[in-house]
Amino acid sequence: VVGHSTGGALSLLLSTLQQVKGVVGISALHRLPSNPLPAFLRGLPVQTQIRLFAGLSHLQPFRKKGAPHWYDWEAQKAYIAYRVFPVRAAAELWRMLVFIEPHLSAVQVPTLLIHSRDDQFITPDQAEHLYAHIGSPNKNLLWVERSGHNVPMDAERERVFAAVGAFVDQQASL
């Protein structure tokens, strides 16, 4: 199973629910890039924070995304993305990530994590956290240096494709 960003988190969870030979998480996240609530609310229980954030979607249904960060600007031109994200969907994503966290130790299949050291959206410490908490003894973390969050499309995409291809070939041969 291979997934990017939210799909990377979902692929890790799927590997605990279905019989798969291996899992690849590219720029996978385990928490929202930043807590969207005011500082004075961040001490509340997480589920309460999520409900408050979801409630905010009625007042502010969309939030503007930050500026894109790319190394390969030609590839960026082909990238299609919304300029905003729906707040309600972000609350659901937060809920899902809280659900996934305690299941990381149940990821027991060979795992390859790929992350950019310059990902300004899903920061490198998230990859380090996932790597530390995944239960599989057969896991690797591949760092790329010249890519933003969209690693599969950015400057080091060929290196990423080669690593994923080699991982898939290796797992398929077992």
N, C-alpha and C. Protein backbone atom coordinates (compact mmCIF):
# COMPACT_ATOMS: atom_id res chain seq x y z
N VAL A 1 0.86 -1.16 0.00
CA VAL A 1 0.00 0.00 0.00
C VAL A 1 0.91 1.23 0.00
N VAL A 2 0.62 2.19 -0.88
CA VAL A 2 1.42 3.40 -0.97
C VAL A 2 0.49 4.59 -0.83
N GLY A 3 0.86 5.55 0.01
CA GLY A 3 0.05 6.75 0.17
C GLY A 3 0.90 7.98 0.41
N HIS A 4 0.37 9.12 -0.01
CA HIS A 4 1.05 10.40 0.16
C HIS A 4 0.24 11.29 1.09
N SER A 5 0.89 11.93 2.05
CA SER A 5 0.28 12.90 2.96
C SER A 5 -0.81 12.22 3.80
N THR A 6 -2.05 12.65 3.68
CA THR A 6 -3.13 11.98 4.40
C THR A 6 -3.22 10.52 3.97
N GLY A 7 -3.01 10.28 2.68
CA GLY A 7 -3.01 8.90 2.17
C GLY A 7 -1.92 8.05 2.81
N GLY A 8 -0.80 8.68 3.18
CA GLY A 8 0.26 7.96 3.88
C GLY A 8 -0.19 7.50 5.25
N ALA A 9 -0.90 8.37 5.96
CA ALA A 9 -1.44 7.99 7.27
C ALA A 9 -2.47 6.88 7.11
N LEU A 10 -3.33 7.01 6.12
CA LEU A 10 -4.34 5.98 5.87
C LEU A 10 -3.70 4.65 5.47
N SER A 11 -2.62 4.70 4.71
CA SER A 11 -1.97 3.45 4.31
C SER A 11 -1.38 2.74 5.52
N LEU A 12 -0.85 3.50 6.48
CA LEU A 12 -0.34 2.88 7.70
C LEU A 12 -1.47 2.20 8.46
N LEU A 13 -2.61 2.88 8.59
CA LEU A 13 -3.75 2.28 9.26
C LEU A 13 -4.25 1.06 8.52
N LEU A 14 -4.36 1.15 7.20
CA LEU A 14 -4.85 0.03 6.40
C LEU A 14 -3.99 -1.21 6.61
N SER A 15 -2.69 -1.00 6.78
CA SER A 15 -1.81 -2.15 6.96
C SER A 15 -2.08 -2.89 8.27
N THR A 16 -2.79 -2.25 9.19
CA THR A 16 -3.16 -2.93 10.45
C THR A 16 -4.51 -3.62 10.35
N LEU A 17 -5.27 -3.31 9.30
CA LEU A 17 -6.62 -3.83 9.15
C LEU A 17 -6.75 -4.89 8.07
N GLN A 18 -5.85 -4.84 7.10
CA GLN A 18 -5.89 -5.77 5.98
C GLN A 18 -4.54 -6.45 5.85
N GLN A 19 -4.54 -7.60 5.22
CA GLN A 19 -3.29 -8.32 5.01
C GLN A 19 -2.59 -7.70 3.80
N VAL A 20 -1.50 -7.02 4.04
CA VAL A 20 -0.69 -6.42 2.98
C VAL A 20 0.75 -6.86 3.18
N LYS A 21 1.54 -6.78 2.11
CA LYS A 21 2.94 -7.19 2.20
C LYS A 21 3.85 -6.08 2.68
N GLY A 22 3.43 -4.85 2.52
CA GLY A 22 4.25 -3.73 2.95
C GLY A 22 3.49 -2.43 2.79
N VAL A 23 4.07 -1.37 3.34
CA VAL A 23 3.42 -0.07 3.30
C VAL A 23 4.47 1.02 3.08
N VAL A 24 4.09 1.99 2.23
CA VAL A 24 4.94 3.15 1.98
C VAL A 24 4.15 4.39 2.35
N GLY A 25 4.72 5.22 3.21
CA GLY A 25 4.11 6.49 3.57
C GLY A 25 5.02 7.62 3.10
N ILE A 26 4.53 8.41 2.14
CA ILE A 26 5.32 9.52 1.59
C ILE A 26 4.76 10.81 2.18
N SER A 27 5.58 11.57 2.85
CA SER A 27 5.15 12.81 3.50
C SER A 27 3.93 12.56 4.38
N ALA A 28 3.92 11.41 5.04
CA ALA A 28 2.77 11.01 5.86
C ALA A 28 2.69 11.88 7.12
N LEU A 29 1.48 12.15 7.53
CA LEU A 29 1.32 12.96 8.73
C LEU A 29 0.76 12.12 9.87
N HIS A 30 1.01 12.60 11.09
CA HIS A 30 0.40 11.95 12.26
C HIS A 30 -0.34 12.98 13.10
N ARG A 31 -0.20 14.26 12.77
CA ARG A 31 -0.96 15.30 13.46
C ARG A 31 -1.17 16.45 12.47
N LEU A 32 -2.10 17.32 12.77
CA LEU A 32 -2.29 18.49 11.92
C LEU A 32 -1.00 19.30 11.93
N PRO A 33 -0.69 19.95 10.81
CA PRO A 33 0.55 20.73 10.76
C PRO A 33 0.66 21.77 11.88
N SER A 34 -0.46 22.33 12.30
CA SER A 34 -0.45 23.24 13.44
C SER A 34 -1.82 23.18 14.10
N ASN A 35 -1.85 23.39 15.41
CA ASN A 35 -3.12 23.41 16.12
C ASN A 35 -3.83 24.71 15.74
N PRO A 36 -5.02 24.59 15.14
CA PRO A 36 -5.70 25.79 14.65
C PRO A 36 -6.42 26.59 15.73
N LEU A 37 -6.46 26.10 16.95
CA LEU A 37 -7.19 26.78 18.01
C LEU A 37 -6.32 27.81 18.73
N PRO A 38 -6.97 28.81 19.32
CA PRO A 38 -6.21 29.77 20.13
C PRO A 38 -5.48 29.06 21.28
N ALA A 39 -4.36 29.59 21.68
CA ALA A 39 -3.51 28.96 22.69
C ALA A 39 -4.25 28.63 23.98
N PHE A 40 -5.19 29.49 24.40
CA PHE A 40 -5.86 29.24 25.67
C PHE A 40 -6.80 28.02 25.63
N LEU A 41 -7.10 27.50 24.44
CA LEU A 41 -7.96 26.32 24.32
C LEU A 41 -7.17 25.02 24.13
N ARG A 42 -5.89 25.13 23.92
CA ARG A 42 -5.08 23.95 23.59
C ARG A 42 -4.84 23.02 24.76
N GLY A 43 -5.16 23.44 25.97
CA GLY A 43 -5.02 22.58 27.14
C GLY A 43 -6.24 21.69 27.36
N LEU A 44 -7.29 21.93 26.60
CA LEU A 44 -8.50 21.10 26.73
C LEU A 44 -8.25 19.71 26.18
N PRO A 45 -9.07 18.72 26.58
CA PRO A 45 -8.92 17.38 25.99
C PRO A 45 -9.03 17.45 24.46
N VAL A 46 -8.28 16.60 23.79
CA VAL A 46 -8.19 16.65 22.33
C VAL A 46 -9.57 16.54 21.68
N GLN A 47 -10.40 15.62 22.16
CA GLN A 47 -11.73 15.46 21.54
C GLN A 47 -12.55 16.74 21.68
N THR A 48 -12.39 17.46 22.79
CA THR A 48 -13.08 18.74 22.97
C THR A 48 -12.54 19.77 21.98
N GLN A 49 -11.22 19.79 21.81
CA GLN A 49 -10.62 20.70 20.84
C GLN A 49 -11.15 20.43 19.43
N ILE A 50 -11.26 19.17 19.08
CA ILE A 50 -11.77 18.80 17.75
C ILE A 50 -13.20 19.28 17.58
N ARG A 51 -14.04 19.07 18.60
CA ARG A 51 -15.44 19.52 18.51
C ARG A 51 -15.52 21.04 18.37
N LEU A 52 -14.70 21.76 19.12
CA LEU A 52 -14.68 23.22 19.00
C LEU A 52 -14.25 23.66 17.61
N PHE A 53 -13.22 23.01 17.09
CA PHE A 53 -12.74 23.35 15.76
C PHE A 53 -13.80 23.06 14.71
N ALA A 54 -14.47 21.92 14.84
CA ALA A 54 -15.56 21.59 13.90
C ALA A 54 -16.66 22.64 13.99
N GLY A 55 -16.96 23.08 15.20
CA GLY A 55 -17.98 24.12 15.37
C GLY A 55 -17.60 25.43 14.71
N LEU A 56 -16.32 25.72 14.66
CA LEU A 56 -15.86 26.94 14.00
C LEU A 56 -16.15 26.92 12.50
N SER A 57 -16.35 25.74 11.95
CA SER A 57 -16.61 25.65 10.52
C SER A 57 -17.90 26.38 10.13
N HIS A 58 -18.79 26.57 11.09
CA HIS A 58 -20.02 27.31 10.80
C HIS A 58 -19.75 28.80 10.69
N LEU A 59 -18.73 29.27 11.39
CA LEU A 59 -18.36 30.68 11.34
C LEU A 59 -17.36 30.97 10.22
N GLN A 60 -16.46 30.04 10.03
CA GLN A 60 -15.44 30.19 8.99
C GLN A 60 -15.32 28.85 8.26
N PRO A 61 -16.13 28.67 7.20
CA PRO A 61 -16.13 27.37 6.53
C PRO A 61 -14.83 27.02 5.81
N PHE A 62 -14.05 28.03 5.45
CA PHE A 62 -12.80 27.77 4.72
C PHE A 62 -11.67 28.59 5.32
N ARG A 63 -10.47 28.01 5.25
CA ARG A 63 -9.26 28.74 5.64
C ARG A 63 -8.30 28.72 4.46
N LYS A 64 -7.63 29.83 4.28
CA LYS A 64 -6.70 29.95 3.17
C LYS A 64 -5.46 29.09 3.43
N LYS A 65 -4.98 28.42 2.38
CA LYS A 65 -3.76 27.64 2.48
C LYS A 65 -2.55 28.57 2.40
N GLY A 66 -1.45 28.11 2.92
CA GLY A 66 -0.21 28.86 2.81
C GLY A 66 0.36 28.80 1.41
N ALA A 67 1.40 29.56 1.18
CA ALA A 67 2.05 29.58 -0.13
C ALA A 67 2.69 28.23 -0.42
N PRO A 68 2.64 27.78 -1.66
CA PRO A 68 3.28 26.50 -2.00
C PRO A 68 4.80 26.61 -1.92
N HIS A 69 5.43 25.49 -1.64
CA HIS A 69 6.89 25.45 -1.53
C HIS A 69 7.38 24.34 -2.45
N TRP A 70 8.01 24.73 -3.53
CA TRP A 70 8.48 23.79 -4.54
C TRP A 70 9.94 24.07 -4.89
N TYR A 71 10.62 23.04 -5.32
CA TYR A 71 11.96 23.17 -5.89
C TYR A 71 11.87 23.15 -7.42
N ASP A 72 10.97 22.34 -7.93
CA ASP A 72 10.78 22.23 -9.38
C ASP A 72 9.54 23.03 -9.77
N TRP A 73 9.76 24.27 -10.18
CA TRP A 73 8.62 25.16 -10.48
C TRP A 73 7.88 24.74 -11.74
N GLU A 74 8.53 24.01 -12.63
CA GLU A 74 7.83 23.49 -13.80
C GLU A 74 6.80 22.43 -13.37
N ALA A 75 7.19 21.58 -12.44
CA ALA A 75 6.26 20.58 -11.91
C ALA A 75 5.12 21.26 -11.16
N GLN A 76 5.42 22.33 -10.46
CA GLN A 76 4.40 23.05 -9.71
C GLN A 76 3.32 23.59 -10.63
N LYS A 77 3.69 23.99 -11.83
CA LYS A 77 2.71 24.51 -12.78
C LYS A 77 1.64 23.47 -13.12
N ALA A 78 2.01 22.21 -13.10
CA ALA A 78 1.06 21.13 -13.43
C ALA A 78 0.22 20.70 -12.23
N TYR A 79 0.57 21.19 -11.05
CA TYR A 79 -0.12 20.77 -9.83
C TYR A 79 -1.44 21.53 -9.69
N ILE A 80 -2.48 20.79 -9.45
CA ILE A 80 -3.80 21.39 -9.28
C ILE A 80 -4.19 21.26 -7.81
N ALA A 81 -4.53 22.38 -7.19
CA ALA A 81 -4.88 22.37 -5.77
C ALA A 81 -5.88 23.46 -5.48
N TYR A 82 -6.68 23.22 -4.48
CA TYR A 82 -7.58 24.26 -3.99
C TYR A 82 -6.76 25.32 -3.26
N ARG A 83 -7.22 26.54 -3.26
CA ARG A 83 -6.50 27.62 -2.56
C ARG A 83 -6.91 27.71 -1.09
N VAL A 84 -7.96 26.99 -0.73
CA VAL A 84 -8.46 26.97 0.64
C VAL A 84 -8.70 25.52 1.04
N PHE A 85 -8.85 25.29 2.33
CA PHE A 85 -9.28 23.97 2.78
C PHE A 85 -10.52 24.13 3.63
N PRO A 86 -11.43 23.16 3.55
CA PRO A 86 -12.65 23.24 4.36
C PRO A 86 -12.34 22.93 5.82
N VAL A 87 -12.76 23.80 6.70
CA VAL A 87 -12.48 23.66 8.12
C VAL A 87 -13.12 22.39 8.67
N ARG A 88 -14.33 22.08 8.26
CA ARG A 88 -15.00 20.87 8.74
C ARG A 88 -14.19 19.62 8.38
N ALA A 89 -13.66 19.59 7.16
CA ALA A 89 -12.84 18.44 6.74
C ALA A 89 -11.56 18.35 7.57
N ALA A 90 -10.98 19.50 7.91
CA ALA A 90 -9.77 19.50 8.74
C ALA A 90 -10.07 18.92 10.13
N ALA A 91 -11.26 19.22 10.65
CA ALA A 91 -11.66 18.65 11.95
C ALA A 91 -11.79 17.13 11.85
N GLU A 92 -12.36 16.65 10.75
CA GLU A 92 -12.48 15.20 10.55
C GLU A 92 -11.10 14.56 10.40
N LEU A 93 -10.20 15.24 9.69
CA LEU A 93 -8.84 14.74 9.54
C LEU A 93 -8.17 14.64 10.91
N TRP A 94 -8.35 15.65 11.74
CA TRP A 94 -7.79 15.65 13.10
C TRP A 94 -8.32 14.45 13.88
N ARG A 95 -9.62 14.23 13.78
CA ARG A 95 -10.24 13.09 14.47
C ARG A 95 -9.62 11.77 13.99
N MET A 96 -9.42 11.64 12.69
CA MET A 96 -8.84 10.42 12.14
C MET A 96 -7.40 10.23 12.63
N LEU A 97 -6.62 11.30 12.66
CA LEU A 97 -5.23 11.19 13.10
C LEU A 97 -5.13 10.77 14.56
N VAL A 98 -6.03 11.28 15.39
CA VAL A 98 -6.07 10.87 16.80
C VAL A 98 -6.40 9.38 16.89
N PHE A 99 -7.27 8.91 16.01
CA PHE A 99 -7.63 7.49 15.99
C PHE A 99 -6.44 6.63 15.56
N ILE A 100 -5.68 7.08 14.58
CA ILE A 100 -4.57 6.29 14.04
C ILE A 100 -3.41 6.17 15.03
N GLU A 101 -3.13 7.21 15.76
CA GLU A 101 -1.94 7.26 16.63
C GLU A 101 -1.73 5.99 17.46
N PRO A 102 -2.73 5.50 18.22
CA PRO A 102 -2.46 4.31 19.04
C PRO A 102 -2.30 3.02 18.22
N HIS A 103 -2.58 3.06 16.92
CA HIS A 103 -2.45 1.88 16.08
C HIS A 103 -1.07 1.77 15.42
N LEU A 104 -0.22 2.77 15.58
CA LEU A 104 1.07 2.74 14.91
C LEU A 104 1.91 1.53 15.31
N SER A 105 1.86 1.15 16.57
CA SER A 105 2.65 -0.01 17.00
C SER A 105 2.15 -1.31 16.37
N ALA A 106 0.91 -1.30 15.87
CA ALA A 106 0.36 -2.49 15.21
C ALA A 106 0.79 -2.60 13.75
N VAL A 107 1.48 -1.59 13.24
CA VAL A 107 2.03 -1.68 11.88
C VAL A 107 3.21 -2.63 11.96
N GLN A 108 3.03 -3.85 11.48
CA GLN A 108 4.04 -4.89 11.62
C GLN A 108 4.63 -5.34 10.29
N VAL A 109 4.17 -4.78 9.19
CA VAL A 109 4.68 -5.16 7.87
C VAL A 109 5.88 -4.28 7.53
N PRO A 110 6.70 -4.72 6.57
CA PRO A 110 7.81 -3.87 6.14
C PRO A 110 7.28 -2.48 5.75
N THR A 111 7.98 -1.46 6.21
CA THR A 111 7.51 -0.09 6.03
C THR A 111 8.62 0.79 5.50
N LEU A 112 8.27 1.60 4.50
CA LEU A 112 9.18 2.61 3.98
C LEU A 112 8.51 3.96 4.14
N LEU A 113 9.16 4.84 4.89
CA LEU A 113 8.70 6.22 5.01
C LEU A 113 9.64 7.08 4.18
N ILE A 114 9.06 8.00 3.42
CA ILE A 114 9.85 8.93 2.62
C ILE A 114 9.39 10.33 2.99
N HIS A 115 10.34 11.19 3.30
CA HIS A 115 9.98 12.53 3.76
C HIS A 115 11.05 13.53 3.35
N SER A 116 10.64 14.73 3.06
CA SER A 116 11.58 15.80 2.72
C SER A 116 12.01 16.53 4.00
N ARG A 117 13.28 16.75 4.11
CA ARG A 117 13.78 17.53 5.24
C ARG A 117 13.32 18.98 5.14
N ASP A 118 12.84 19.38 3.97
CA ASP A 118 12.39 20.75 3.76
C ASP A 118 10.88 20.84 3.57
N ASP A 119 10.15 19.83 4.05
CA ASP A 119 8.68 19.88 3.98
C ASP A 119 8.23 20.90 5.02
N GLN A 120 7.66 21.99 4.55
CA GLN A 120 7.24 23.04 5.47
C GLN A 120 5.79 22.88 5.90
N PHE A 121 5.13 21.86 5.38
CA PHE A 121 3.74 21.59 5.75
C PHE A 121 3.68 20.45 6.77
N ILE A 122 4.21 19.31 6.42
CA ILE A 122 4.31 18.18 7.34
C ILE A 122 5.79 18.13 7.75
N THR A 123 6.11 18.70 8.87
CA THR A 123 7.49 18.90 9.27
C THR A 123 8.23 17.57 9.50
N PRO A 124 9.55 17.58 9.33
CA PRO A 124 10.33 16.34 9.46
C PRO A 124 10.15 15.62 10.79
N ASP A 125 9.85 16.33 11.86
CA ASP A 125 9.67 15.65 13.14
C ASP A 125 8.48 14.68 13.09
N GLN A 126 7.53 14.92 12.19
CA GLN A 126 6.41 13.99 12.07
C GLN A 126 6.89 12.64 11.51
N ALA A 127 7.79 12.68 10.52
CA ALA A 127 8.36 11.44 9.99
C ALA A 127 9.15 10.70 11.06
N GLU A 128 9.90 11.46 11.85
CA GLU A 128 10.68 10.84 12.94
C GLU A 128 9.75 10.19 13.96
N HIS A 129 8.62 10.85 14.26
CA HIS A 129 7.65 10.29 15.21
C HIS A 129 7.07 8.99 14.66
N LEU A 130 6.64 9.02 13.40
CA LEU A 130 6.08 7.80 12.81
C LEU A 130 7.10 6.67 12.83
N TYR A 131 8.32 6.96 12.42
CA TYR A 131 9.36 5.94 12.39
C TYR A 131 9.57 5.35 13.79
N ALA A 132 9.60 6.19 14.80
CA ALA A 132 9.83 5.72 16.17
C ALA A 132 8.68 4.88 16.71
N HIS A 133 7.46 5.14 16.25
CA HIS A 133 6.29 4.48 16.83
C HIS A 133 5.71 3.34 16.00
N ILE A 134 6.16 3.18 14.77
CA ILE A 134 5.72 2.04 13.97
C ILE A 134 6.32 0.79 14.57
N GLY A 135 5.51 -0.26 14.70
CA GLY A 135 5.96 -1.46 15.38
C GLY A 135 6.84 -2.38 14.57
N SER A 136 6.84 -2.27 13.27
CA SER A 136 7.61 -3.18 12.43
C SER A 136 9.11 -3.06 12.69
N PRO A 137 9.78 -4.20 12.84
CA PRO A 137 11.24 -4.14 12.96
C PRO A 137 11.91 -3.89 11.60
N ASN A 138 11.13 -4.08 10.53
CA ASN A 138 11.63 -3.88 9.16
C ASN A 138 11.08 -2.57 8.64
N LYS A 139 11.75 -1.48 8.98
CA LYS A 139 11.29 -0.15 8.58
C LYS A 139 12.48 0.71 8.20
N ASN A 140 12.24 1.60 7.26
CA ASN A 140 13.28 2.52 6.81
C ASN A 140 12.68 3.90 6.62
N LEU A 141 13.50 4.90 6.85
CA LEU A 141 13.11 6.29 6.63
C LEU A 141 14.10 6.88 5.63
N LEU A 142 13.58 7.22 4.46
CA LEU A 142 14.39 7.82 3.40
C LEU A 142 14.14 9.32 3.39
N TRP A 143 15.22 10.08 3.56
CA TRP A 143 15.12 11.54 3.52
C TRP A 143 15.46 12.03 2.13
N VAL A 144 14.67 12.96 1.63
CA VAL A 144 15.03 13.69 0.42
C VAL A 144 15.31 15.13 0.83
N GLU A 145 16.19 15.78 0.11
CA GLU A 145 16.64 17.11 0.51
C GLU A 145 16.03 18.23 -0.34
N ARG A 146 15.76 17.97 -1.60
CA ARG A 146 15.34 19.02 -2.51
C ARG A 146 13.89 18.84 -2.96
N SER A 147 13.00 18.83 -2.03
CA SER A 147 11.57 18.74 -2.32
C SER A 147 10.81 19.42 -1.20
N GLY A 148 9.63 19.88 -1.54
CA GLY A 148 8.72 20.39 -0.53
C GLY A 148 7.81 19.26 -0.10
N HIS A 149 6.56 19.57 0.20
CA HIS A 149 5.62 18.55 0.65
C HIS A 149 5.24 17.57 -0.46
N ASN A 150 5.13 18.06 -1.67
CA ASN A 150 4.68 17.22 -2.78
C ASN A 150 5.84 16.43 -3.38
N VAL A 151 6.44 15.62 -2.55
CA VAL A 151 7.63 14.84 -2.91
C VAL A 151 7.43 14.04 -4.20
N PRO A 152 6.28 13.40 -4.43
CA PRO A 152 6.14 12.61 -5.65
C PRO A 152 6.13 13.44 -6.94
N MET A 153 6.02 14.76 -6.83
CA MET A 153 6.01 15.60 -8.02
C MET A 153 7.21 16.54 -8.08
N ASP A 154 7.92 16.73 -6.99
CA ASP A 154 8.94 17.76 -6.91
C ASP A 154 10.29 17.25 -7.46
N ALA A 155 11.32 18.00 -7.21
CA ALA A 155 12.63 17.81 -7.85
C ALA A 155 13.24 16.43 -7.67
N GLU A 156 12.98 15.76 -6.55
CA GLU A 156 13.59 14.44 -6.32
C GLU A 156 12.64 13.28 -6.61
N ARG A 157 11.61 13.54 -7.42
CA ARG A 157 10.60 12.52 -7.70
C ARG A 157 11.19 11.23 -8.29
N GLU A 158 12.20 11.35 -9.15
CA GLU A 158 12.78 10.14 -9.76
C GLU A 158 13.44 9.26 -8.70
N ARG A 159 14.10 9.88 -7.74
CA ARG A 159 14.70 9.13 -6.64
C ARG A 159 13.62 8.45 -5.81
N VAL A 160 12.53 9.17 -5.57
CA VAL A 160 11.40 8.61 -4.81
C VAL A 160 10.78 7.44 -5.58
N PHE A 161 10.55 7.62 -6.88
CA PHE A 161 9.97 6.53 -7.68
C PHE A 161 10.86 5.29 -7.64
N ALA A 162 12.17 5.50 -7.75
CA ALA A 162 13.10 4.37 -7.72
C ALA A 162 13.04 3.65 -6.37
N ALA A 163 13.00 4.41 -5.28
CA ALA A 163 12.95 3.80 -3.95
C ALA A 163 11.65 3.03 -3.74
N VAL A 164 10.54 3.62 -4.16
CA VAL A 164 9.24 2.93 -4.01
C VAL A 164 9.23 1.68 -4.89
N GLY A 165 9.72 1.81 -6.11
CA GLY A 165 9.76 0.66 -7.01
C GLY A 165 10.60 -0.48 -6.45
N ALA A 166 11.76 -0.16 -5.92
CA ALA A 166 12.63 -1.18 -5.33
C ALA A 166 11.96 -1.83 -4.12
N PHE A 167 11.29 -1.03 -3.29
CA PHE A 167 10.59 -1.55 -2.12
C PHE A 167 9.47 -2.51 -2.55
N VAL A 168 8.67 -2.09 -3.53
CA VAL A 168 7.57 -2.93 -4.01
C VAL A 168 8.12 -4.23 -4.61
N ASP A 169 9.16 -4.11 -5.43
CA ASP A 169 9.76 -5.31 -6.02
C ASP A 169 10.24 -6.27 -4.93
N GLN A 170 10.89 -5.71 -3.91
CA GLN A 170 11.41 -6.54 -2.82
C GLN A 170 10.28 -7.26 -2.09
N GLN A 171 9.21 -6.55 -1.79
CA GLN A 171 8.10 -7.16 -1.05
C GLN A 171 7.36 -8.18 -1.91
N ALA A 172 7.24 -7.89 -3.20
CA ALA A 172 6.53 -8.80 -4.11
C ALA A 172 7.29 -10.10 -4.29
N SER A 173 8.60 -10.06 -4.12
CA SER A 173 9.42 -11.27 -4.34
C SER A 173 9.42 -12.18 -3.12
N LEU A 174 8.91 -11.70 -1.99
CA LEU A 174 8.94 -12.52 -0.77
C LEU A 174 7.79 -13.52 -0.74
